[in-house]
C-alpha atoms as a PDB file:
ATOM      1  CA  MET A   1      -9.827  37.563  27.062  1.00  0.00           C
ATOM      2  CA  THR A   2     -10.776  40.753  24.630  1.00  0.00           C
ATOM      3  CA  ARG A   3      -7.071  41.000  22.055  1.00  0.00           C
ATOM      4  CA  LEU A   4      -7.023  36.783  21.831  1.00  0.00           C
ATOM      5  CA  ARG A   5     -10.939  36.413  21.132  1.00  0.00           C
ATOM      6  CA  ALA A   6     -10.400  39.225  18.311  1.00  0.00           C
ATOM      7  CA  SER A   7      -7.270  37.506  17.153  1.00  0.00           C
ATOM      8  CA  GLY A   8      -9.441  34.470  16.702  1.00  0.00           C
ATOM      9  CA  GLY A   9      -6.834  32.405  17.696  1.00  0.00           C
ATOM     10  CA  GLY A  10      -9.157  30.466  20.156  1.00  0.00           C
ATOM     11  CA  SER A  11     -12.461  28.682  20.271  1.00  0.00           C
ATOM     12  CA  PRO A  12     -15.148  29.484  22.750  1.00  0.00           C
ATOM     13  CA  HIS A  13     -14.509  26.560  25.026  1.00  0.00           C
ATOM     14  CA  THR A  14     -10.828  27.699  25.238  1.00  0.00           C
ATOM     15  CA  LEU A  15     -11.570  31.025  25.795  1.00  0.00           C
ATOM     16  CA  ARG A  16     -13.919  30.031  29.038  1.00  0.00           C
ATOM     17  CA  ALA A  17     -11.409  27.708  29.684  1.00  0.00           C
ATOM     18  CA  TYR A  18      -8.509  30.114  29.226  1.00  0.00           C
ATOM     19  CA  ARG A  19     -11.153  32.627  31.460  1.00  0.00           C
ATOM     20  CA  ALA A  20     -11.388  29.788  34.645  1.00  0.00           C
ATOM     21  CA  ASP A  21      -7.184  29.147  34.658  1.00  0.00           C
ATOM     22  CA  LEU A  22      -6.780  32.777  34.807  1.00  0.00           C
ATOM     23  CA  GLU A  23      -9.428  33.551  37.783  1.00  0.00           C
ATOM     24  CA  THR A  24      -7.467  29.952  39.233  1.00  0.00           C
ATOM     25  CA  PHE A  25      -4.375  31.664  39.560  1.00  0.00           C
ATOM     26  CA  ALA A  26      -5.517  35.514  41.023  1.00  0.00           C
ATOM     27  CA  ARG A  27      -7.414  32.946  44.107  1.00  0.00           C
ATOM     28  CA  LYS A  28      -4.182  31.304  44.493  1.00  0.00           C
ATOM     29  CA  PHE A  29      -2.726  34.875  44.787  1.00  0.00           C
ATOM     30  CA  PRO A  30      -4.941  37.119  46.389  1.00  0.00           C
ATOM     31  CA  GLY A  31      -4.335  41.258  46.271  1.00  0.00           C
ATOM     32  CA  LEU A  32      -0.808  40.824  43.652  1.00  0.00           C
ATOM     33  CA  ALA A  33      -0.770  42.857  41.200  1.00  0.00           C
ATOM     34  CA  ALA A  34      -0.692  42.260  37.600  1.00  0.00           C
ATOM     35  CA  ALA A  35       2.591  43.931  37.149  1.00  0.00           C
ATOM     36  CA  ASP A  36       4.160  42.271  40.562  1.00  0.00           C
ATOM     37  CA  ILE A  37       4.183  38.891  38.671  1.00  0.00           C
ATOM     38  CA  GLU A  38       6.755  36.780  39.762  1.00  0.00           C
ATOM     39  CA  ARG A  39       9.043  33.774  38.873  1.00  0.00           C
ATOM     40  CA  ALA A  40       8.405  32.681  42.429  1.00  0.00           C
ATOM     41  CA  HIS A  41       4.399  32.766  41.976  1.00  0.00           C
ATOM     42  CA  VAL A  42       4.110  30.936  38.239  1.00  0.00           C
ATOM     43  CA  ARG A  43       7.124  27.665  40.161  1.00  0.00           C
ATOM     44  CA  ARG A  44       4.194  28.109  43.642  1.00  0.00           C
ATOM     45  CA  LEU A  45       1.216  27.320  41.095  1.00  0.00           C
ATOM     46  CA  LEU A  46       3.056  24.404  38.714  1.00  0.00           C
ATOM     47  CA  ALA A  47       3.595  23.002  42.520  1.00  0.00           C
ATOM     48  CA  ASP A  48       0.592  23.367  43.811  1.00  0.00           C
ATOM     49  CA  LEU A  49      -1.406  21.981  40.702  1.00  0.00           C
ATOM     50  CA  GLN A  50       0.892  18.768  40.438  1.00  0.00           C
ATOM     51  CA  ALA A  51       1.081  17.796  44.762  1.00  0.00           C
ATOM     52  CA  ALA A  52      -2.735  17.752  43.968  1.00  0.00           C
ATOM     53  CA  GLY A  53      -2.176  15.628  41.582  1.00  0.00           C
ATOM     54  CA  ALA A  54      -3.440  17.421  38.378  1.00  0.00           C
ATOM     55  CA  ALA A  55      -3.191  16.097  34.976  1.00  0.00           C
ATOM     56  CA  ARG A  56      -0.087  17.195  32.609  1.00  0.00           C
ATOM     57  CA  ALA A  57      -2.086  18.134  29.848  1.00  0.00           C
ATOM     58  CA  SER A  58      -4.285  20.452  32.994  1.00  0.00           C
ATOM     59  CA  VAL A  59      -1.225  22.039  34.060  1.00  0.00           C
ATOM     60  CA  LEU A  60      -0.079  23.078  30.588  1.00  0.00           C
ATOM     61  CA  ARG A  61      -4.036  24.011  30.182  1.00  0.00           C
ATOM     62  CA  LYS A  62      -3.223  26.657  33.351  1.00  0.00           C
ATOM     63  CA  ALA A  63       0.184  27.496  32.925  1.00  0.00           C
ATOM     64  CA  SER A  64      -0.226  28.509  28.914  1.00  0.00           C
ATOM     65  CA  ALA A  65      -3.677  30.728  29.927  1.00  0.00           C
ATOM     66  CA  VAL A  66      -0.893  32.529  33.163  1.00  0.00           C
ATOM     67  CA  ARG A  67       1.540  32.893  29.744  1.00  0.00           C
ATOM     68  CA  GLN A  68      -0.928  34.225  27.643  1.00  0.00           C
ATOM     69  CA  PHE A  69      -1.368  36.878  29.992  1.00  0.00           C
ATOM     70  CA  VAL A  70       1.779  37.960  30.628  1.00  0.00           C
ATOM     71  CA  LYS A  71       2.891  38.071  27.255  1.00  0.00           C
ATOM     72  CA  PHE A  72      -0.633  40.894  26.564  1.00  0.00           C
ATOM     73  CA  LEU A  73       1.076  42.318  29.963  1.00  0.00           C
ATOM     74  CA  ARG A  74       4.269  42.849  28.681  1.00  0.00           C
ATOM     75  CA  ALA A  75       3.336  43.583  25.444  1.00  0.00           C
ATOM     76  CA  GLU A  76       1.038  46.721  27.254  1.00  0.00           C
ATOM     77  CA  GLY A  77       4.542  47.970  29.413  1.00  0.00           C
ATOM     78  CA  GLU A  78       2.996  46.602  32.047  1.00  0.00           C
ATOM     79  CA  LEU A  79       5.293  43.922  33.373  1.00  0.00           C
ATOM     80  CA  LYS A  80       9.122  44.363  32.170  1.00  0.00           C
ATOM     81  CA  ARG A  81      10.465  40.906  33.040  1.00  0.00           C
ATOM     82  CA  ASP A  82       9.270  37.231  32.037  1.00  0.00           C
ATOM     83  CA  PRO A  83       8.058  35.060  35.046  1.00  0.00           C
ATOM     84  CA  PHE A  84       8.514  32.105  32.652  1.00  0.00           C
ATOM     85  CA  LEU A  85      12.332  32.753  32.353  1.00  0.00           C
ATOM     86  CA  GLY A  86      14.156  29.667  34.219  1.00  0.00           C
ATOM     87  CA  VAL A  87      11.016  27.899  34.627  1.00  0.00           C
ATOM     88  CA  THR A  88      10.988  24.352  33.477  1.00  0.00           C
ATOM     89  CA  LEU A  89       7.000  23.158  32.288  1.00  0.00           C
ATOM     90  CA  PRO A  90       6.519  19.330  32.221  1.00  0.00           C
ATOM     91  CA  LYS A  91       6.401  18.014  28.532  1.00  0.00           C
ATOM     92  CA  ARG A  92       3.592  17.458  26.794  1.00  0.00           C
ATOM     93  CA  ALA A  93       2.613  13.701  26.398  1.00  0.00           C
ATOM     94  CA  ARG A  94       1.458  12.883  22.469  1.00  0.00           C
ATOM     95  CA  PRO A  95      -0.832  10.047  22.806  1.00  0.00           C
ATOM     96  CA  LEU A  96      -1.703   8.219  19.628  1.00  0.00           C
ATOM     97  CA  PRO A  97      -5.046   9.398  17.927  1.00  0.00           C
ATOM     98  CA  LYS A  98      -7.698   7.085  18.273  1.00  0.00           C
ATOM     99  CA  PHE A  99      -9.354   5.764  15.508  1.00  0.00           C
ATOM    100  CA  LEU A 100     -11.746   3.247  14.156  1.00  0.00           C
ATOM    101  CA  THR A 101     -11.003   0.490  11.515  1.00  0.00           C
ATOM    102  CA  GLU A 102     -12.530   0.781   7.801  1.00  0.00           C
ATOM    103  CA  SER A 103     -14.753  -1.832   9.165  1.00  0.00           C
ATOM    104  CA  GLU A 104     -15.819   0.332  11.956  1.00  0.00           C
ATOM    105  CA  MET A 105     -16.250   3.513  10.164  1.00  0.00           C
ATOM    106  CA  THR A 106     -18.234   1.796   7.903  1.00  0.00           C
ATOM    107  CA  GLU A 107     -20.590   0.448  10.302  1.00  0.00           C
ATOM    108  CA  VAL A 108     -20.857   3.704  11.828  1.00  0.00           C
ATOM    109  CA  LEU A 109     -21.408   5.206   8.164  1.00  0.00           C
ATOM    110  CA  ALA A 110     -24.377   3.010   7.509  1.00  0.00           C
ATOM    111  CA  ALA A 111     -26.186   3.479  10.841  1.00  0.00           C
ATOM    112  CA  PRO A 112     -28.727   6.707  10.252  1.00  0.00           C
ATOM    113  CA  THR A 113     -31.122   5.863   9.057  1.00  0.00           C
ATOM    114  CA  GLY A 114     -34.595   7.351   7.514  1.00  0.00           C
ATOM    115  CA  ALA A 115     -36.273   8.738   5.236  1.00  0.00           C
ATOM    116  CA  ASP A 116     -37.212  12.492   7.079  1.00  0.00           C
ATOM    117  CA  PRO A 117     -34.729  15.634   6.816  1.00  0.00           C
ATOM    118  CA  ALA A 118     -33.161  14.978  10.179  1.00  0.00           C
ATOM    119  CA  ALA A 119     -32.136  11.650   8.673  1.00  0.00           C
ATOM    120  CA  ALA A 120     -30.560  13.031   5.276  1.00  0.00           C
ATOM    121  CA  ARG A 121     -28.895  15.927   7.596  1.00  0.00           C
ATOM    122  CA  ASP A 122     -26.886  13.180   9.549  1.00  0.00           C
ATOM    123  CA  ARG A 123     -26.604  11.195   6.943  1.00  0.00           C
ATOM    124  CA  ALA A 124     -24.292  14.224   5.121  1.00  0.00           C
ATOM    125  CA  LEU A 125     -22.942  15.887   8.397  1.00  0.00           C
ATOM    126  CA  VAL A 126     -21.563  12.170   9.868  1.00  0.00           C
ATOM    127  CA  GLU A 127     -20.403  11.241   5.593  1.00  0.00           C
ATOM    128  CA  LEU A 128     -18.717  14.663   5.789  1.00  0.00           C
ATOM    129  CA  LEU A 129     -16.589  14.332   9.147  1.00  0.00           C
ATOM    130  CA  TYR A 130     -14.907  11.000   7.858  1.00  0.00           C
ATOM    131  CA  SER A 131     -15.278  12.123   3.707  1.00  0.00           C
ATOM    132  CA  SER A 132     -13.266  15.437   4.164  1.00  0.00           C
ATOM    133  CA  GLY A 133     -11.705  14.766   7.767  1.00  0.00           C
ATOM    134  CA  LEU A 134     -13.279  18.050   9.278  1.00  0.00           C
ATOM    135  CA  ARG A 135     -12.657  18.824  13.062  1.00  0.00           C
ATOM    136  CA  ARG A 136     -16.610  19.983  14.695  1.00  0.00           C
ATOM    137  CA  ALA A 137     -16.009  23.445  15.027  1.00  0.00           C
ATOM    138  CA  GLU A 138     -14.995  23.548  11.289  1.00  0.00           C
ATOM    139  CA  ALA A 139     -18.494  21.558  10.039  1.00  0.00           C
ATOM    140  CA  SER A 140     -20.959  23.417  12.608  1.00  0.00           C
ATOM    141  CA  ALA A 141     -19.394  26.451  10.717  1.00  0.00           C
ATOM    142  CA  LEU A 142     -19.687  25.604   7.208  1.00  0.00           C
ATOM    143  CA  ASN A 143     -22.185  27.664   5.130  1.00  0.00           C
ATOM    144  CA  VAL A 144     -24.297  26.415   1.855  1.00  0.00           C
ATOM    145  CA  GLY A 145     -22.641  27.864  -0.474  1.00  0.00           C
ATOM    146  CA  ASP A 146     -19.477  26.480   0.584  1.00  0.00           C
ATOM    147  CA  ALA A 147     -19.952  23.383  -0.277  1.00  0.00           C
ATOM    148  CA  ASP A 148     -19.035  22.963  -4.293  1.00  0.00           C
ATOM    149  CA  LEU A 149     -21.158  20.293  -5.461  1.00  0.00           C
ATOM    150  CA  LEU A 150     -19.737  20.137  -8.636  1.00  0.00           C
ATOM    151  CA  SER A 151     -15.909  20.080  -8.403  1.00  0.00           C
ATOM    152  CA  GLY A 152     -16.404  17.979  -5.470  1.00  0.00           C
ATOM    153  CA  THR A 153     -14.674  20.511  -2.893  1.00  0.00           C
ATOM    154  CA  LEU A 154     -15.500  22.658   0.597  1.00  0.00           C
ATOM    155  CA  ARG A 155     -14.144  25.768   1.602  1.00  0.00           C
ATOM    156  CA  VAL A 156     -13.085  25.242   5.177  1.00  0.00           C
ATOM    157  CA  PHE A 157     -12.256  27.690   7.280  1.00  0.00           C
ATOM    158  CA  GLY A 158      -9.480  26.207  10.272  1.00  0.00           C
ATOM    159  CA  LYS A 159      -8.373  27.306  13.118  1.00  0.00           C
ATOM    160  CA  GLY A 160      -7.314  31.139  13.253  1.00  0.00           C
ATOM    161  CA  GLY A 161      -9.387  31.952  10.351  1.00  0.00           C
ATOM    162  CA  LYS A 162      -7.366  30.139   8.276  1.00  0.00           C
ATOM    163  CA  GLU A 163      -9.129  28.928   4.835  1.00  0.00           C
ATOM    164  CA  ARG A 164      -8.530  25.390   3.038  1.00  0.00           C
ATOM    165  CA  LEU A 165     -10.120  23.986   0.389  1.00  0.00           C
ATOM    166  CA  ALA A 166     -10.446  19.983   1.046  1.00  0.00           C
ATOM    167  CA  PRO A 167     -11.809  17.286  -0.730  1.00  0.00           C
ATOM    168  CA  VAL A 168     -15.222  15.556  -0.957  1.00  0.00           C
ATOM    169  CA  GLY A 169     -16.018  11.810  -1.818  1.00  0.00           C
ATOM    170  CA  GLU A 170     -19.084  10.954  -4.014  1.00  0.00           C
ATOM    171  CA  THR A 171     -21.045   9.462  -1.564  1.00  0.00           C
ATOM    172  CA  ALA A 172     -20.627  12.756   0.814  1.00  0.00           C
ATOM    173  CA  LEU A 173     -20.980  14.491  -2.370  1.00  0.00           C
ATOM    174  CA  THR A 174     -24.402  12.070  -2.850  1.00  0.00           C
ATOM    175  CA  CYS A 175     -25.423  12.544   0.860  1.00  0.00           C
ATOM    176  CA  LEU A 176     -25.276  16.505   0.594  1.00  0.00           C
ATOM    177  CA  ARG A 177     -27.394  16.828  -2.275  1.00  0.00           C
ATOM    178  CA  ASP A 178     -29.931  14.654  -1.034  1.00  0.00           C
ATOM    179  CA  TYR A 179     -30.048  16.935   2.171  1.00  0.00           C
ATOM    180  CA  LEU A 180     -29.983  19.919   0.395  1.00  0.00           C
ATOM    181  CA  ARG A 181     -32.726  18.629  -1.471  1.00  0.00           C
ATOM    182  CA  ALA A 182     -35.172  17.792   1.326  1.00  0.00           C
ATOM    183  CA  ARG A 183     -34.294  21.578   2.515  1.00  0.00           C
ATOM    184  CA  GLY A 184     -36.051  22.557  -0.393  1.00  0.00           C
ATOM    185  CA  GLY A 185     -32.990  24.247  -1.484  1.00  0.00           C
ATOM    186  CA  PRO A 186     -31.276  27.294   0.963  1.00  0.00           C
ATOM    187  CA  GLY A 187     -29.133  30.052  -0.236  1.00  0.00           C
ATOM    188  CA  ALA A 188     -25.540  30.276  -0.079  1.00  0.00           C
ATOM    189  CA  GLY A 189     -25.086  31.891   3.336  1.00  0.00           C
ATOM    190  CA  ASP A 190     -27.398  30.360   4.990  1.00  0.00           C
ATOM    191  CA  PRO A 191     -25.970  27.388   7.430  1.00  0.00           C
ATOM    192  CA  LEU A 192     -25.286  24.605   5.480  1.00  0.00           C
ATOM    193  CA  PHE A 193     -26.329  22.148   8.954  1.00  0.00           C
ATOM    194  CA  THR A 194     -29.303  23.358  10.763  1.00  0.00           C
ATOM    195  CA  ASN A 195     -30.998  22.399  14.130  1.00  0.00           C
ATOM    196  CA  GLU A 196     -34.624  21.527  14.383  1.00  0.00           C
ATOM    197  CA  ARG A 197     -35.716  25.745  14.743  1.00  0.00           C
ATOM    198  CA  GLY A 198     -33.780  26.035  11.769  1.00  0.00           C
ATOM    199  CA  GLU A 199     -30.503  27.721  13.086  1.00  0.00           C
ATOM    200  CA  ARG A 200     -26.791  26.727  13.027  1.00  0.00           C
ATOM    201  CA  LEU A 201     -26.026  23.526  14.076  1.00  0.00           C
ATOM    202  CA  SER A 202     -23.720  23.794  16.873  1.00  0.00           C
ATOM    203  CA  GLN A 203     -20.224  22.416  17.870  1.00  0.00           C
ATOM    204  CA  GLU A 204     -21.923  20.281  20.230  1.00  0.00           C
ATOM    205  CA  GLY A 205     -25.049  19.088  18.238  1.00  0.00           C
ATOM    206  CA  VAL A 206     -22.807  18.199  15.566  1.00  0.00           C
ATOM    207  CA  ALA A 207     -20.756  16.038  18.655  1.00  0.00           C
ATOM    208  CA  PHE A 208     -24.161  14.806  19.528  1.00  0.00           C
ATOM    209  CA  VAL A 209     -25.478  13.369  15.958  1.00  0.00           C
ATOM    210  CA  VAL A 210     -22.082  11.517  16.249  1.00  0.00           C
ATOM    211  CA  ARG A 211     -23.295   9.855  19.485  1.00  0.00           C
ATOM    212  CA  ARG A 212     -26.262   9.199  18.850  1.00  0.00           C
ATOM    213  CA  TRP A 213     -25.513   7.464  15.345  1.00  0.00           C
ATOM    214  CA  VAL A 214     -22.330   5.519  17.069  1.00  0.00           C
ATOM    215  CA  ARG A 215     -25.304   3.857  20.091  1.00  0.00           C
ATOM    216  CA  ARG A 216     -26.955   2.980  16.538  1.00  0.00           C
ATOM    217  CA  SER A 217     -24.428   0.867  15.503  1.00  0.00           C
ATOM    218  CA  ALA A 218     -23.257  -1.875  16.655  1.00  0.00           C
ATOM    219  CA  LEU A 219     -19.844  -0.364  17.465  1.00  0.00           C
ATOM    220  CA  LEU A 220     -19.027  -0.332  21.689  1.00  0.00           C
ATOM    221  CA  LYS A 221     -16.656   2.388  21.550  1.00  0.00           C
ATOM    222  CA  ASN A 222     -17.479   6.365  22.702  1.00  0.00           C
ATOM    223  CA  VAL A 223     -16.882   8.185  19.393  1.00  0.00           C
ATOM    224  CA  THR A 224     -15.835  11.729  18.800  1.00  0.00           C
ATOM    225  CA  PRO A 225     -16.465  13.778  15.711  1.00  0.00           C
ATOM    226  CA  HIS A 226     -12.619  13.834  16.649  1.00  0.00           C
ATOM    227  CA  ALA A 227     -12.315  10.615  15.736  1.00  0.00           C
ATOM    228  CA  PHE A 228     -13.476  10.621  12.476  1.00  0.00           C
ATOM    229  CA  ARG A 229     -11.010  13.051  11.848  1.00  0.00           C
ATOM    230  CA  HIS A 230      -8.469  10.554  12.791  1.00  0.00           C
ATOM    231  CA  SER A 231      -9.620   7.873  10.678  1.00  0.00           C
ATOM    232  CA  PHE A 232      -9.689   9.879   7.817  1.00  0.00           C
ATOM    233  CA  ALA A 233      -6.160  10.826   8.110  1.00  0.00           C
ATOM    234  CA  THR A 234      -5.407   7.093   8.783  1.00  0.00           C
ATOM    235  CA  HIS A 235      -6.956   5.461   6.259  1.00  0.00           C
ATOM    236  CA  LEU A 236      -5.171   7.742   3.392  1.00  0.00           C
ATOM    237  CA  LEU A 237      -1.900   7.298   4.981  1.00  0.00           C
ATOM    238  CA  ASP A 238      -2.823   3.138   4.949  1.00  0.00           C
ATOM    239  CA  HIS A 239      -3.784   3.221   1.297  1.00  0.00           C
ATOM    240  CA  GLY A 240      -0.594   5.353   0.522  1.00  0.00           C
ATOM    241  CA  CYS A 241      -0.898   8.667   0.321  1.00  0.00           C
ATOM    242  CA  SER A 242       2.066  10.961   1.770  1.00  0.00           C
ATOM    243  CA  ILE A 243       2.529  12.963   5.065  1.00  0.00           C
ATOM    244  CA  ARG A 244       2.539  16.190   2.884  1.00  0.00           C
ATOM    245  CA  GLU A 245      -0.544  16.288   1.558  1.00  0.00           C
ATOM    246  CA  VAL A 246      -3.048  14.476   4.773  1.00  0.00           C
ATOM    247  CA  GLN A 247      -1.024  17.044   6.182  1.00  0.00           C
ATOM    248  CA  GLU A 248      -2.348  19.784   3.543  1.00  0.00           C
ATOM    249  CA  MET A 249      -6.296  17.988   3.506  1.00  0.00           C
ATOM    250  CA  LEU A 250      -5.915  18.320   7.828  1.00  0.00           C
ATOM    251  CA  GLY A 251      -5.088  22.237   7.175  1.00  0.00           C
ATOM    252  CA  HIS A 252      -2.388  21.645   9.942  1.00  0.00           C
ATOM    253  CA  ALA A 253       0.259  24.680   9.760  1.00  0.00           C
ATOM    254  CA  ASN A 254       3.188  21.814  11.058  1.00  0.00           C
ATOM    255  CA  LEU A 255       4.149  19.246   9.586  1.00  0.00           C
ATOM    256  CA  ASN A 256       4.925  17.604  12.914  1.00  0.00           C
ATOM    257  CA  THR A 257       1.746  17.477  13.566  1.00  0.00           C
ATOM    258  CA  THR A 258       0.303  15.557  11.425  1.00  0.00           C
ATOM    259  CA  GLN A 259       3.565  13.205  11.779  1.00  0.00           C
ATOM    260  CA  ILE A 260       1.946  11.598  14.322  1.00  0.00           C
ATOM    261  CA  TYR A 261      -0.119   9.388  12.104  1.00  0.00           C
ATOM    262  CA  THR A 262       2.742   7.830  10.280  1.00  0.00           C
ATOM    263  CA  HIS A 263       3.390   6.345  13.731  1.00  0.00           C
ATOM    264  CA  VAL A 264      -0.171   5.151  13.797  1.00  0.00           C
ATOM    265  CA  SER A 265      -0.181   4.049  10.629  1.00  0.00           C
ATOM    266  CA  LEU A 266       3.237   2.220  10.930  1.00  0.00           C
ATOM    267  CA  ARG A 267       2.230   0.398  14.533  1.00  0.00           C
ATOM    268  CA  ARG A 268      -0.554  -1.196  12.553  1.00  0.00           C
ATOM    269  CA  LEU A 269       2.021  -1.965   8.981  1.00  0.00           C
ATOM    270  CA  ARG A 270       3.848  -3.751  12.041  1.00  0.00           C
ATOM    271  CA  ASP A 271       0.773  -5.888  13.737  1.00  0.00           C
ATOM    272  CA  ALA A 272      -0.412  -7.275  10.600  1.00  0.00           C
ATOM    273  CA  TYR A 273       3.647  -8.323   9.457  1.00  0.00           C
ATOM    274  CA  ASP A 274       4.264  -9.542  12.885  1.00  0.00           C
ATOM    275  CA  GLY A 275       0.715 -11.346  12.590  1.00  0.00           C
ATOM    276  CA  ALA A 276       1.511 -13.192   9.267  1.00  0.00           C
ATOM    277  CA  HIS A 277       5.111 -13.364   8.166  1.00  0.00           C
ATOM    278  CA  PRO A 278       6.181 -16.996   8.740  1.00  0.00           C
ATOM    279  CA  ARG A 279       8.540 -15.265  10.779  1.00  0.00           C
ATOM    280  CA  GLY A 280       7.051 -12.917  12.042  1.00  0.00           C
ATOM    281  CA  ALA A 281       5.740 -12.411  16.144  1.00  0.00           C
ATOM    282  CA  ALA A 282       2.946 -14.607  15.464  1.00  0.00           C
ATOM    283  CA  ALA A 283       5.495 -17.601  14.883  1.00  0.00           C
ATOM    284  CA  ARG A 284       8.243 -16.588  17.138  1.00  0.00           C
ATOM    285  CA  GLY A 285       5.474 -16.956  19.874  1.00  0.00           C
ATOM    286  CA  SER A 286       4.234 -20.591  18.421  1.00  0.00           C
ATOM    287  CA  ALA A 287       7.721 -21.984  18.206  1.00  0.00           C
END
């Protein structure tokens, strides 16, 4: 856990989950020394989880925690053989991302009202999440100096500390300027988004702001900050942005991660075609 934390390879939430998963594994095999972990133990863990009806994502996460631990043990020379060799893990399902339509997004973005500093912060935050496709951790970690209001870009530190430049739309820039003016001109090293105590707004705080304004809009959906990111990518593709450009803006290391958004966009195109074309599905159904 210490090595994973030092490498920057996991968020605090991921580290907590991995720790809990390793503790579960240890309780399942009391007295088992790390050097004695074998394939049978891994298979027993998977079989018990599946028999208990654990979701596939949960099984894979717990297996991943043990696998990371095994990699550490082997790197330290404490475990000679890889107990995961010959073990078949369930395939990870790739559900289509949940996103908002452009009209739904417009409705949510119009919800934050009021002239107080908190409302100015909320407007800037929700606009920026959609404008730049930020993860909630990325939004929370931003400092004032990371926002270049002249060039309309953000310096963003993504997963593993990977840095990228993200574009910022005009509406989001206007909201950011209003918010920073309401704060009285904070320093470049200060957190960009703060709570009522002047401390950095946490990831949970980012999610709370999104939930609050979604509830105040007329939208009857459970919307997370990540839905803003999904909407950002989907809408860019819908309007002709290339998959490579979207990959770069999202900060994805692998194009396959971005590729799933093309399925969403193509599905919407198909639905539009079937509903409007004289020989589409709607026409066939009425024949």
